[in-house]
Structures are given as C-alpha cells and as structure tokens.
Amino acid sequence: MMEWLTITLSILTLGFMFWFFSRNRKSLELGQLAPDFKLTDQHGKTHVLADFRGKWLALYFYPKDDTPGCTKQACAFRDGLQELVDLGADVVGVSVDNTSSHADFAKKFQLQFPLLADTTTETAARYHSLINLGIIKFAQRNTFLIDPQGKIARMYLSASAARNSAEVIADLKHLQAA
C-alpha cells in the first residue's frame, strides 16, 4: 500500500512540474525567423537551419528515441515523407538523445530523414521545447513548419504523435495553395 502511494505521489509531482515549467515559457511567434541550430544527425553529418533555405522544413521535437509515442510520430513522418518531399519539404526530428541512440532508432524503423542530437539542450530551449526537471531534461513534442525564407509558418505545440504528420501535410497544402 505504501509503495502505491509513493508511486502515485511521484507521478503527481512530475505532472505538476511538467505543467509548471511548460506554462511559464515564452513562445515563438508565427512569421518570425526560426531560431538557428547546428546539430549532428545519426550519420555524423552536421546540419544548420540555412541548409534548408529555399525549401519548407517540418522540424519536430520529440522526447525520447524508441518510445511508443515517439515511434508512432517518427513512423508517421516516415510514411508521409514522399508526400512531404513532393510538396517541397524536408523533415527533421530533434531530441536530446545522442547520435548513437538516433542511429539505432532510425535503423530499427527505417527512418530516412535526419534525427538531430541536441545533447546540450540549447536548440530545444531556443524553440521553447525543452522540459527541464532538474536532472531530467527532454524535448517537448512540438513541431515547427518553417517556410523557404526561414520563417515559422505553423506551430504544433504539444503535437499529437498520431496526427502530427497529417496535420503538417494538410497545412502545407493549404499554405502553398494560398
């Protein structure tokens, strides 16, 4: 009985901390230049935001490699990748996991897009997508659709792992039709 109470209190405490830290963060604004980044992917290649100029970019932050929600989201982007490419967009995932973890995750699920290792957590922080619980830090599930000029066109805060890719595709079609 005491163990159950301890577990319940721990879950409630983590939930409160998540809520507290996420509500006190400033957010980015539509139309502003997206924050720059310089991060390494699962193949050891370094990427910067300028690499994607002239194309649309779906930049998605996710908490942890090879977890159920993150796998669902990554596989949905994988399955929609050709449609996104046909719409002139690239997809890039970002988490605080290291490149080795990203390589294993990408190989296991045949992910054909870069997974960037934000091991310093600086990029997630610049995108207001870092959950910092002291000794535990992870990226919040946020996605940013960045236009060919490097400006934020859409934001999906606390994105749905299941629907995020489809939302990005639908919005991209809408934005390009306008």
N, C-alpha and C. Protein backbone atom coordinates (compact mmCIF):
# COMPACT_ATOMS: atom_id res chain seq x y z
N MET A 1 0.83 -1.20 0.00
CA MET A 1 0.00 0.00 0.00
C MET A 1 0.86 1.25 0.00
N MET A 2 1.91 1.28 0.81
CA MET A 2 2.79 2.44 0.90
C MET A 2 3.53 2.66 -0.42
N GLU A 3 3.93 1.57 -1.10
CA GLU A 3 4.61 1.68 -2.38
C GLU A 3 3.69 2.32 -3.42
N TRP A 4 2.44 1.93 -3.44
CA TRP A 4 1.45 2.51 -4.37
C TRP A 4 1.30 4.01 -4.13
N LEU A 5 1.25 4.41 -2.89
CA LEU A 5 1.13 5.83 -2.55
C LEU A 5 2.37 6.60 -3.01
N THR A 6 3.53 6.04 -2.82
CA THR A 6 4.78 6.68 -3.24
C THR A 6 4.81 6.86 -4.75
N ILE A 7 4.41 5.85 -5.49
CA ILE A 7 4.38 5.92 -6.95
C ILE A 7 3.38 6.98 -7.39
N THR A 8 2.20 7.00 -6.80
CA THR A 8 1.17 7.97 -7.15
C THR A 8 1.65 9.39 -6.89
N LEU A 9 2.27 9.63 -5.74
CA LEU A 9 2.78 10.96 -5.42
C LEU A 9 3.90 11.37 -6.38
N SER A 10 4.73 10.44 -6.78
CA SER A 10 5.80 10.74 -7.73
C SER A 10 5.23 11.16 -9.08
N ILE A 11 4.22 10.44 -9.54
CA ILE A 11 3.57 10.76 -10.81
C ILE A 11 2.91 12.14 -10.73
N LEU A 12 2.21 12.41 -9.64
CA LEU A 12 1.57 13.72 -9.48
C LEU A 12 2.60 14.84 -9.42
N THR A 13 3.71 14.61 -8.75
CA THR A 13 4.77 15.62 -8.67
C THR A 13 5.36 15.90 -10.04
N LEU A 14 5.67 14.86 -10.80
CA LEU A 14 6.20 15.06 -12.15
C LEU A 14 5.19 15.77 -13.04
N GLY A 15 3.94 15.42 -12.92
CA GLY A 15 2.88 16.08 -13.69
C GLY A 15 2.79 17.55 -13.37
N PHE A 16 2.85 17.89 -12.08
CA PHE A 16 2.80 19.29 -11.67
C PHE A 16 4.01 20.04 -12.21
N MET A 17 5.20 19.43 -12.10
CA MET A 17 6.41 20.10 -12.58
C MET A 17 6.33 20.33 -14.09
N PHE A 18 5.85 19.35 -14.84
CA PHE A 18 5.69 19.49 -16.29
C PHE A 18 4.76 20.66 -16.59
N TRP A 19 3.63 20.71 -15.91
CA TRP A 19 2.66 21.80 -16.11
C TRP A 19 3.28 23.14 -15.74
N PHE A 20 3.93 23.22 -14.60
CA PHE A 20 4.50 24.47 -14.12
C PHE A 20 5.56 25.01 -15.08
N PHE A 21 6.49 24.15 -15.49
CA PHE A 21 7.56 24.62 -16.36
C PHE A 21 7.05 24.94 -17.76
N SER A 22 6.09 24.21 -18.26
CA SER A 22 5.60 24.47 -19.61
C SER A 22 4.75 25.72 -19.67
N ARG A 23 4.04 26.08 -18.61
CA ARG A 23 3.19 27.27 -18.66
C ARG A 23 3.97 28.56 -18.51
N ASN A 24 5.17 28.49 -17.97
CA ASN A 24 5.96 29.69 -17.74
C ASN A 24 6.93 30.01 -18.88
N ARG A 25 6.87 29.27 -19.95
CA ARG A 25 7.78 29.51 -21.05
C ARG A 25 7.18 30.48 -22.05
N LYS A 26 8.01 31.35 -22.58
CA LYS A 26 7.59 32.22 -23.67
C LYS A 26 7.44 31.35 -24.89
N SER A 27 6.74 31.85 -25.87
CA SER A 27 6.61 31.07 -27.08
C SER A 27 7.13 31.87 -28.26
N LEU A 28 7.38 31.18 -29.32
CA LEU A 28 7.78 31.81 -30.57
C LEU A 28 6.52 32.33 -31.25
N GLU A 29 6.69 33.14 -32.27
CA GLU A 29 5.53 33.71 -32.96
C GLU A 29 5.57 33.35 -34.44
N LEU A 30 4.39 33.19 -35.01
CA LEU A 30 4.30 32.94 -36.45
C LEU A 30 4.89 34.13 -37.19
N GLY A 31 5.62 33.86 -38.26
CA GLY A 31 6.21 34.91 -39.07
C GLY A 31 7.61 35.33 -38.64
N GLN A 32 8.02 34.95 -37.43
CA GLN A 32 9.37 35.32 -37.01
C GLN A 32 10.37 34.34 -37.59
N LEU A 33 11.62 34.81 -37.72
CA LEU A 33 12.66 33.91 -38.19
C LEU A 33 12.82 32.77 -37.19
N ALA A 34 12.94 31.57 -37.71
CA ALA A 34 13.14 30.40 -36.84
C ALA A 34 14.53 30.49 -36.22
N PRO A 35 14.67 30.09 -34.97
CA PRO A 35 15.99 30.09 -34.33
C PRO A 35 16.96 29.16 -35.07
N ASP A 36 18.18 29.61 -35.21
CA ASP A 36 19.19 28.81 -35.90
C ASP A 36 19.59 27.62 -35.03
N PHE A 37 20.18 26.63 -35.66
CA PHE A 37 20.72 25.47 -34.94
C PHE A 37 21.91 24.93 -35.71
N LYS A 38 22.74 24.20 -34.99
CA LYS A 38 23.87 23.47 -35.58
C LYS A 38 23.97 22.17 -34.80
N LEU A 39 23.44 21.10 -35.40
CA LEU A 39 23.34 19.81 -34.71
C LEU A 39 23.77 18.68 -35.63
N THR A 40 24.20 17.59 -35.03
CA THR A 40 24.67 16.42 -35.76
C THR A 40 23.58 15.36 -35.83
N ASP A 41 23.47 14.72 -36.99
CA ASP A 41 22.45 13.67 -37.17
C ASP A 41 23.01 12.28 -36.88
N GLN A 42 22.18 11.28 -37.11
CA GLN A 42 22.52 9.89 -36.81
C GLN A 42 23.67 9.34 -37.66
N HIS A 43 24.03 10.06 -38.74
CA HIS A 43 25.13 9.62 -39.61
C HIS A 43 26.40 10.43 -39.37
N GLY A 44 26.37 11.34 -38.38
CA GLY A 44 27.53 12.17 -38.08
C GLY A 44 27.60 13.44 -38.90
N LYS A 45 26.58 13.71 -39.71
CA LYS A 45 26.55 14.92 -40.54
C LYS A 45 25.98 16.08 -39.72
N THR A 46 26.62 17.24 -39.82
CA THR A 46 26.15 18.43 -39.13
C THR A 46 25.17 19.19 -40.01
N HIS A 47 24.08 19.64 -39.41
CA HIS A 47 23.05 20.40 -40.11
C HIS A 47 22.86 21.75 -39.43
N VAL A 48 22.61 22.77 -40.24
CA VAL A 48 22.24 24.10 -39.75
C VAL A 48 20.95 24.51 -40.45
N LEU A 49 20.24 25.44 -39.86
CA LEU A 49 18.96 25.86 -40.44
C LEU A 49 19.12 26.33 -41.88
N ALA A 50 20.21 27.03 -42.17
CA ALA A 50 20.44 27.56 -43.52
C ALA A 50 20.50 26.47 -44.59
N ASP A 51 20.81 25.24 -44.20
CA ASP A 51 20.83 24.12 -45.15
C ASP A 51 19.48 23.92 -45.82
N PHE A 52 18.42 24.37 -45.15
CA PHE A 52 17.07 24.10 -45.63
C PHE A 52 16.43 25.32 -46.30
N ARG A 53 17.18 26.42 -46.44
CA ARG A 53 16.65 27.61 -47.12
C ARG A 53 16.20 27.23 -48.52
N GLY A 54 15.10 27.82 -48.93
CA GLY A 54 14.55 27.55 -50.25
C GLY A 54 13.58 26.38 -50.26
N LYS A 55 13.44 25.70 -49.13
CA LYS A 55 12.51 24.58 -49.00
C LYS A 55 11.70 24.76 -47.73
N TRP A 56 10.61 24.08 -47.65
CA TRP A 56 9.84 24.00 -46.41
C TRP A 56 10.54 23.01 -45.50
N LEU A 57 10.39 23.21 -44.20
CA LEU A 57 11.00 22.29 -43.24
C LEU A 57 10.01 21.98 -42.13
N ALA A 58 9.76 20.71 -41.92
CA ALA A 58 8.99 20.25 -40.76
C ALA A 58 10.03 19.84 -39.73
N LEU A 59 10.23 20.71 -38.74
CA LEU A 59 11.21 20.48 -37.67
C LEU A 59 10.43 20.03 -36.44
N TYR A 60 10.57 18.76 -36.10
CA TYR A 60 9.79 18.27 -34.97
C TYR A 60 10.68 17.83 -33.81
N PHE A 61 10.28 18.25 -32.62
CA PHE A 61 10.96 17.89 -31.39
C PHE A 61 10.18 16.76 -30.74
N TYR A 62 10.90 15.79 -30.20
CA TYR A 62 10.25 14.65 -29.56
C TYR A 62 11.04 14.24 -28.32
N PRO A 63 10.37 13.63 -27.35
CA PRO A 63 11.02 13.34 -26.06
C PRO A 63 12.14 12.31 -26.09
N LYS A 64 11.93 11.13 -26.69
CA LYS A 64 12.90 10.05 -26.50
C LYS A 64 12.80 9.02 -27.62
N ASP A 65 13.97 8.62 -28.13
CA ASP A 65 14.03 7.57 -29.15
C ASP A 65 13.39 6.28 -28.66
N ASP A 66 12.72 5.60 -29.60
CA ASP A 66 12.23 4.24 -29.38
C ASP A 66 11.25 4.10 -28.21
N THR A 67 10.45 5.14 -27.98
CA THR A 67 9.34 5.05 -27.03
C THR A 67 8.06 5.03 -27.84
N PRO A 68 6.95 4.56 -27.28
CA PRO A 68 5.74 4.36 -28.09
C PRO A 68 5.26 5.61 -28.87
N GLY A 69 5.09 6.72 -28.19
CA GLY A 69 4.60 7.93 -28.87
C GLY A 69 5.60 8.45 -29.89
N CYS A 70 6.86 8.45 -29.54
CA CYS A 70 7.90 8.95 -30.44
C CYS A 70 8.05 8.06 -31.66
N THR A 71 7.91 6.76 -31.47
CA THR A 71 7.96 5.83 -32.59
C THR A 71 6.76 6.05 -33.50
N LYS A 72 5.58 6.22 -32.94
CA LYS A 72 4.38 6.47 -33.74
C LYS A 72 4.55 7.73 -34.58
N GLN A 73 5.05 8.80 -33.96
CA GLN A 73 5.24 10.06 -34.68
C GLN A 73 6.30 9.91 -35.78
N ALA A 74 7.43 9.32 -35.46
CA ALA A 74 8.51 9.15 -36.44
C ALA A 74 8.05 8.29 -37.62
N CYS A 75 7.33 7.22 -37.33
CA CYS A 75 6.86 6.35 -38.42
C CYS A 75 5.79 7.03 -39.27
N ALA A 76 4.99 7.89 -38.68
CA ALA A 76 4.01 8.65 -39.46
C ALA A 76 4.73 9.63 -40.39
N PHE A 77 5.78 10.29 -39.90
CA PHE A 77 6.57 11.15 -40.79
C PHE A 77 7.27 10.32 -41.86
N ARG A 78 7.76 9.14 -41.49
CA ARG A 78 8.38 8.24 -42.47
C ARG A 78 7.39 7.87 -43.57
N ASP A 79 6.18 7.49 -43.15
CA ASP A 79 5.17 7.06 -44.12
C ASP A 79 4.67 8.20 -44.99
N GLY A 80 4.73 9.42 -44.50
CA GLY A 80 4.30 10.59 -45.28
C GLY A 80 5.44 11.33 -45.94
N LEU A 81 6.65 10.79 -45.83
CA LEU A 81 7.83 11.50 -46.30
C LEU A 81 7.77 11.82 -47.80
N GLN A 82 7.36 10.88 -48.61
CA GLN A 82 7.34 11.13 -50.06
C GLN A 82 6.36 12.24 -50.40
N GLU A 83 5.22 12.28 -49.74
CA GLU A 83 4.26 13.35 -49.99
C GLU A 83 4.84 14.70 -49.57
N LEU A 84 5.54 14.72 -48.44
CA LEU A 84 6.18 15.95 -47.99
C LEU A 84 7.26 16.39 -48.97
N VAL A 85 8.07 15.47 -49.45
CA VAL A 85 9.11 15.78 -50.43
C VAL A 85 8.47 16.32 -51.71
N ASP A 86 7.37 15.69 -52.15
CA ASP A 86 6.66 16.16 -53.34
C ASP A 86 6.12 17.58 -53.16
N LEU A 87 5.87 17.97 -51.91
CA LEU A 87 5.40 19.33 -51.60
C LEU A 87 6.57 20.29 -51.35
N GLY A 88 7.80 19.81 -51.55
CA GLY A 88 8.97 20.66 -51.40
C GLY A 88 9.43 20.82 -49.97
N ALA A 89 9.16 19.83 -49.14
CA ALA A 89 9.51 19.93 -47.72
C ALA A 89 10.49 18.84 -47.30
N ASP A 90 11.31 19.19 -46.34
CA ASP A 90 12.18 18.24 -45.65
C ASP A 90 11.61 18.00 -44.26
N VAL A 91 11.96 16.87 -43.67
CA VAL A 91 11.57 16.52 -42.31
C VAL A 91 12.83 16.30 -41.50
N VAL A 92 12.85 16.86 -40.30
CA VAL A 92 13.97 16.68 -39.39
C VAL A 92 13.42 16.50 -37.98
N GLY A 93 13.85 15.45 -37.30
CA GLY A 93 13.47 15.21 -35.91
C GLY A 93 14.60 15.65 -34.99
N VAL A 94 14.24 16.14 -33.81
CA VAL A 94 15.23 16.59 -32.83
C VAL A 94 14.85 16.07 -31.44
N SER A 95 15.82 15.48 -30.76
CA SER A 95 15.63 15.14 -29.34
C SER A 95 16.97 15.32 -28.64
N VAL A 96 16.97 15.18 -27.34
CA VAL A 96 18.21 15.34 -26.58
C VAL A 96 19.01 14.04 -26.51
N ASP A 97 18.53 12.99 -27.16
CA ASP A 97 19.28 11.74 -27.23
C ASP A 97 20.54 11.93 -28.07
N ASN A 98 21.50 11.05 -27.92
CA ASN A 98 22.76 11.17 -28.66
C ASN A 98 22.66 10.55 -30.06
N THR A 99 23.69 10.75 -30.86
CA THR A 99 23.68 10.27 -32.25
C THR A 99 23.63 8.75 -32.33
N SER A 100 24.23 8.06 -31.39
CA SER A 100 24.19 6.60 -31.39
C SER A 100 22.76 6.09 -31.17
N SER A 101 22.07 6.70 -30.23
CA SER A 101 20.67 6.34 -29.98
C SER A 101 19.82 6.64 -31.22
N HIS A 102 20.08 7.79 -31.85
CA HIS A 102 19.34 8.15 -33.07
C HIS A 102 19.61 7.14 -34.19
N ALA A 103 20.87 6.70 -34.31
CA ALA A 103 21.22 5.74 -35.36
C ALA A 103 20.48 4.43 -35.16
N ASP A 104 20.43 3.95 -33.94
CA ASP A 104 19.70 2.71 -33.65
C ASP A 104 18.21 2.86 -33.94
N PHE A 105 17.64 3.98 -33.51
CA PHE A 105 16.21 4.26 -33.72
C PHE A 105 15.90 4.35 -35.21
N ALA A 106 16.71 5.09 -35.96
CA ALA A 106 16.49 5.25 -37.40
C ALA A 106 16.61 3.92 -38.13
N LYS A 107 17.60 3.13 -37.75
CA LYS A 107 17.78 1.82 -38.40
C LYS A 107 16.62 0.88 -38.10
N LYS A 108 16.21 0.84 -36.86
CA LYS A 108 15.14 -0.06 -36.44
C LYS A 108 13.83 0.22 -37.18
N PHE A 109 13.55 1.50 -37.45
CA PHE A 109 12.27 1.86 -38.07
C PHE A 109 12.42 2.43 -39.48
N GLN A 110 13.59 2.22 -40.10
CA GLN A 110 13.87 2.68 -41.46
C GLN A 110 13.49 4.15 -41.67
N LEU A 111 13.96 5.00 -40.78
CA LEU A 111 13.69 6.43 -40.87
C LEU A 111 14.72 7.04 -41.83
N GLN A 112 14.23 7.63 -42.90
CA GLN A 112 15.11 8.14 -43.96
C GLN A 112 15.30 9.65 -43.89
N PHE A 113 15.11 10.23 -42.75
CA PHE A 113 15.31 11.66 -42.57
C PHE A 113 16.22 11.88 -41.37
N PRO A 114 16.85 13.06 -41.28
CA PRO A 114 17.79 13.30 -40.19
C PRO A 114 17.11 13.34 -38.82
N LEU A 115 17.77 12.73 -37.85
CA LEU A 115 17.41 12.85 -36.44
C LEU A 115 18.58 13.56 -35.78
N LEU A 116 18.35 14.77 -35.31
CA LEU A 116 19.42 15.59 -34.78
C LEU A 116 19.56 15.42 -33.27
N ALA A 117 20.80 15.34 -32.83
CA ALA A 117 21.12 15.14 -31.42
C ALA A 117 21.37 16.50 -30.76
N ASP A 118 20.44 16.91 -29.93
CA ASP A 118 20.55 18.17 -29.18
C ASP A 118 21.01 17.85 -27.76
N THR A 119 22.20 17.30 -27.65
CA THR A 119 22.67 16.82 -26.35
C THR A 119 22.94 17.96 -25.36
N THR A 120 23.15 19.17 -25.84
CA THR A 120 23.34 20.31 -24.93
C THR A 120 22.00 20.93 -24.53
N THR A 121 20.94 20.56 -25.19
CA THR A 121 19.56 21.04 -25.00
C THR A 121 19.37 22.50 -25.42
N GLU A 122 20.37 23.12 -26.03
CA GLU A 122 20.28 24.53 -26.40
C GLU A 122 19.25 24.78 -27.50
N THR A 123 19.18 23.90 -28.48
CA THR A 123 18.23 24.12 -29.58
C THR A 123 16.80 23.94 -29.08
N ALA A 124 16.54 22.91 -28.31
CA ALA A 124 15.19 22.73 -27.75
C ALA A 124 14.81 23.94 -26.92
N ALA A 125 15.75 24.49 -26.17
CA ALA A 125 15.46 25.67 -25.35
C ALA A 125 15.13 26.87 -26.24
N ARG A 126 15.89 27.08 -27.33
CA ARG A 126 15.62 28.21 -28.24
C ARG A 126 14.25 28.10 -28.89
N TYR A 127 13.80 26.86 -29.08
CA TYR A 127 12.47 26.65 -29.67
C TYR A 127 11.40 26.50 -28.59
N HIS A 128 11.74 26.84 -27.36
CA HIS A 128 10.82 26.75 -26.23
C HIS A 128 10.17 25.37 -26.17
N SER A 129 11.00 24.37 -26.41
CA SER A 129 10.55 22.98 -26.45
C SER A 129 11.34 22.09 -25.50
N LEU A 130 11.92 22.69 -24.47
CA LEU A 130 12.69 21.92 -23.50
C LEU A 130 11.93 21.81 -22.20
N ILE A 131 11.80 20.59 -21.73
CA ILE A 131 11.26 20.34 -20.41
C ILE A 131 12.46 20.07 -19.51
N ASN A 132 12.65 20.90 -18.50
CA ASN A 132 13.79 20.80 -17.61
C ASN A 132 13.28 20.52 -16.20
N LEU A 133 13.45 19.29 -15.78
CA LEU A 133 13.02 18.89 -14.44
C LEU A 133 14.23 18.72 -13.52
N GLY A 134 15.24 19.53 -13.73
CA GLY A 134 16.45 19.42 -12.93
C GLY A 134 17.41 18.44 -13.55
N ILE A 135 17.49 17.24 -12.98
CA ILE A 135 18.42 16.25 -13.52
C ILE A 135 17.87 15.57 -14.78
N ILE A 136 16.59 15.70 -15.03
CA ILE A 136 15.97 15.11 -16.21
C ILE A 136 15.57 16.23 -17.17
N LYS A 137 16.06 16.11 -18.41
CA LYS A 137 15.71 17.08 -19.46
C LYS A 137 15.30 16.31 -20.70
N PHE A 138 14.26 16.77 -21.34
CA PHE A 138 13.83 16.16 -22.59
C PHE A 138 13.06 17.18 -23.41
N ALA A 139 12.94 16.91 -24.69
CA ALA A 139 12.22 17.80 -25.59
C ALA A 139 10.72 17.55 -25.48
N GLN A 140 9.98 18.62 -25.56
CA GLN A 140 8.52 18.52 -25.60
C GLN A 140 8.12 18.24 -27.05
N ARG A 141 7.03 17.54 -27.24
CA ARG A 141 6.58 17.17 -28.58
C ARG A 141 5.97 18.39 -29.28
N ASN A 142 6.82 19.20 -29.87
CA ASN A 142 6.41 20.39 -30.63
C ASN A 142 6.96 20.29 -32.03
N THR A 143 6.20 20.78 -32.99
CA THR A 143 6.66 20.78 -34.38
C THR A 143 6.53 22.19 -34.93
N PHE A 144 7.50 22.56 -35.76
CA PHE A 144 7.51 23.87 -36.39
C PHE A 144 7.61 23.69 -37.89
N LEU A 145 6.66 24.25 -38.61
CA LEU A 145 6.71 24.25 -40.07
C LEU A 145 7.35 25.57 -40.47
N ILE A 146 8.52 25.47 -41.06
CA ILE A 146 9.33 26.63 -41.39
C ILE A 146 9.29 26.83 -42.91
N ASP A 147 9.01 28.07 -43.33
CA ASP A 147 8.85 28.35 -44.76
C ASP A 147 10.22 28.46 -45.45
N PRO A 148 10.22 28.55 -46.79
CA PRO A 148 11.50 28.59 -47.52
C PRO A 148 12.39 29.80 -47.18
N GLN A 149 11.84 30.84 -46.59
CA GLN A 149 12.62 32.00 -46.18
C GLN A 149 13.14 31.87 -44.74
N GLY A 150 12.83 30.76 -44.07
CA GLY A 150 13.32 30.52 -42.72
C GLY A 150 12.42 31.08 -41.64
N LYS A 151 11.17 31.41 -41.98
CA LYS A 151 10.23 31.94 -41.00
C LYS A 151 9.26 30.86 -40.54
N ILE A 152 8.81 30.97 -39.31
CA ILE A 152 7.87 30.00 -38.75
C ILE A 152 6.48 30.24 -39.36
N ALA A 153 5.98 29.25 -40.08
CA ALA A 153 4.68 29.36 -40.74
C ALA A 153 3.57 28.72 -39.90
N ARG A 154 3.88 27.67 -39.18
CA ARG A 154 2.92 26.98 -38.32
C ARG A 154 3.65 26.40 -37.13
N MET A 155 2.94 26.32 -36.00
CA MET A 155 3.48 25.69 -34.80
C MET A 155 2.45 24.68 -34.30
N TYR A 156 2.91 23.54 -33.93
CA TYR A 156 2.07 22.48 -33.38
C TYR A 156 2.62 22.19 -31.98
N LEU A 157 2.08 22.88 -31.00
CA LEU A 157 2.57 22.76 -29.63
C LEU A 157 1.86 21.60 -28.96
N SER A 158 2.60 20.79 -28.25
CA SER A 158 2.08 19.54 -27.68
C SER A 158 1.40 18.72 -28.78
N ALA A 159 2.13 18.54 -29.86
CA ALA A 159 1.61 17.87 -31.05
C ALA A 159 1.14 16.45 -30.75
N SER A 160 0.17 16.02 -31.53
CA SER A 160 -0.32 14.65 -31.45
C SER A 160 0.65 13.73 -32.20
N ALA A 161 1.16 12.73 -31.53
CA ALA A 161 2.07 11.78 -32.18
C ALA A 161 1.41 11.11 -33.38
N ALA A 162 0.15 10.81 -33.26
CA ALA A 162 -0.57 10.10 -34.32
C ALA A 162 -0.95 11.00 -35.49
N ARG A 163 -1.30 12.25 -35.21
CA ARG A 163 -1.84 13.13 -36.26
C ARG A 163 -0.88 14.18 -36.79
N ASN A 164 0.27 14.36 -36.16
CA ASN A 164 1.15 15.46 -36.49
C ASN A 164 1.58 15.50 -37.95
N SER A 165 2.01 14.39 -38.49
CA SER A 165 2.46 14.35 -39.88
C SER A 165 1.32 14.73 -40.83
N ALA A 166 0.13 14.20 -40.62
CA ALA A 166 -1.01 14.52 -41.47
C ALA A 166 -1.40 16.00 -41.35
N GLU A 167 -1.28 16.57 -40.14
CA GLU A 167 -1.57 17.99 -39.95
C GLU A 167 -0.58 18.85 -40.72
N VAL A 168 0.69 18.48 -40.67
CA VAL A 168 1.72 19.23 -41.39
C VAL A 168 1.46 19.17 -42.89
N ILE A 169 1.14 17.99 -43.41
CA ILE A 169 0.87 17.84 -44.83
C ILE A 169 -0.34 18.68 -45.24
N ALA A 170 -1.42 18.62 -44.47
CA ALA A 170 -2.62 19.40 -44.79
C ALA A 170 -2.33 20.90 -44.76
N ASP A 171 -1.63 21.36 -43.75
CA ASP A 171 -1.30 22.79 -43.66
C ASP A 171 -0.36 23.22 -44.76
N LEU A 172 0.57 22.39 -45.11
CA LEU A 172 1.50 22.70 -46.19
C LEU A 172 0.75 22.86 -47.52
N LYS A 173 -0.20 21.98 -47.78
CA LYS A 173 -1.03 22.10 -48.99
C LYS A 173 -1.82 23.39 -48.97
N HIS A 174 -2.40 23.72 -47.83
CA HIS A 174 -3.18 24.94 -47.67
C HIS A 174 -2.31 26.18 -47.89
N LEU A 175 -1.14 26.21 -47.26
CA LEU A 175 -0.24 27.35 -47.39
C LEU A 175 0.25 27.53 -48.81
N GLN A 176 0.52 26.46 -49.50
CA GLN A 176 1.01 26.55 -50.87
C GLN A 176 -0.10 26.95 -51.84
N ALA A 177 -1.35 26.63 -51.50
CA ALA A 177 -2.48 26.99 -52.35
C ALA A 177 -2.84 28.46 -52.21
N ALA A 178 -2.47 29.06 -51.08
CA ALA A 178 -2.86 30.47 -50.82
C ALA A 178 -2.02 31.44 -51.62
